[in-house]
């Protein structure tokens, strides 16, 4: 079983990496980009019987900073 966790900064939290990407895209001539938010994707290869609740606990304890980040989980 696999899980994919998407971690993003919460709305209202400054994203300096995203802003740097937006600026660089503009400098390269891509003028239509008004904003960029950068995040991370974590892929987990899980043992049978691992539940989405287990993955949520992993996210809340280690994989995301719950103060400034939010996450979503996709199980497959």
Protein backbone atom coordinates (compact mmCIF):
# COMPACT_ATOMS: atom_id res chain seq x y z
CA UNK A 1 0.00 0.00 0.00
CA UNK A 2 1.18 3.52 -0.73
CA UNK A 3 0.31 6.95 0.59
CA UNK A 4 1.11 10.32 -0.90
CA UNK A 5 1.18 13.29 1.48
CA UNK A 6 0.99 16.84 0.09
CA UNK A 7 2.28 19.47 2.50
CA UNK A 8 1.73 23.19 1.83
CA UNK A 9 2.15 26.36 3.83
CA UNK A 10 -1.14 27.63 5.23
CA UNK A 11 -2.78 30.66 3.63
CA UNK A 12 -1.34 33.84 5.10
CA UNK A 13 2.09 32.31 5.82
CA UNK A 14 4.84 33.97 3.78
CA UNK A 15 6.42 31.70 1.17
CA UNK A 16 9.86 33.12 0.28
CA UNK A 17 10.73 30.15 -1.96
CA UNK A 18 7.48 30.55 -3.88
CA UNK A 19 8.12 34.28 -4.25
CA UNK A 20 11.64 33.61 -5.55
CA UNK A 21 10.23 31.21 -8.16
CA UNK A 22 7.57 33.76 -9.19
CA UNK A 23 10.24 36.44 -9.56
CA UNK A 24 12.53 34.14 -11.58
CA UNK A 25 9.69 33.16 -13.90
CA UNK A 26 8.93 36.83 -14.51
CA UNK A 27 12.60 37.51 -15.26
CA UNK A 28 12.49 34.67 -17.81
CA UNK A 29 9.58 36.31 -19.62
CA UNK A 30 6.70 34.36 -18.07
CA UNK A 31 4.65 37.43 -17.20
CA UNK A 32 1.34 35.65 -16.49
CA UNK A 33 2.36 34.21 -13.12
CA UNK A 34 0.83 36.26 -10.29
CA UNK A 35 1.75 33.98 -7.41
CA UNK A 36 3.56 30.76 -6.54
CA UNK A 37 3.17 28.57 -3.45
CA UNK A 38 5.78 25.87 -3.03
CA UNK A 39 5.20 22.69 -1.07
CA UNK A 40 6.44 19.14 -0.79
CA UNK A 41 5.18 15.67 -1.63
CA UNK A 42 6.10 12.72 0.57
CA UNK A 43 5.50 9.20 -0.75
CA UNK A 44 5.23 6.42 1.82
CA UNK A 45 5.43 2.68 1.08
CA UNK A 46 3.29 1.20 3.84
CA UNK A 47 2.83 -2.24 5.35
CA UNK A 48 -0.55 -3.90 4.89
CA UNK A 49 -2.94 -2.82 7.59
CA UNK A 50 -1.59 0.73 7.88
CA UNK A 51 -4.60 3.02 8.01
CA UNK A 52 -5.16 6.59 6.89
CA UNK A 53 -5.48 7.44 10.58
CA UNK A 54 -1.93 6.12 11.08
CA UNK A 55 -0.68 8.32 8.23
CA UNK A 56 -2.51 11.35 9.68
CA UNK A 57 -0.75 10.73 12.98
CA UNK A 58 2.61 10.56 11.16
CA UNK A 59 1.85 13.90 9.52
CA UNK A 60 0.82 15.59 12.75
CA UNK A 61 3.84 14.30 14.67
CA UNK A 62 6.63 14.57 12.08
CA UNK A 63 5.86 15.16 8.41
CA UNK A 64 4.27 18.60 8.69
CA UNK A 65 4.56 21.57 11.00
CA UNK A 66 0.92 21.97 12.06
CA UNK A 67 1.47 25.60 13.10
CA UNK A 68 2.29 26.84 9.59
CA UNK A 69 1.52 23.92 7.24
CA UNK A 70 -1.49 21.91 6.16
CA UNK A 71 -1.50 18.49 4.52
CA UNK A 72 -3.65 16.13 2.50
CA UNK A 73 -3.30 12.36 2.24
CA UNK A 74 -3.97 10.13 -0.78
CA UNK A 75 -4.02 6.39 -0.12
CA UNK A 76 -3.67 3.83 -2.90
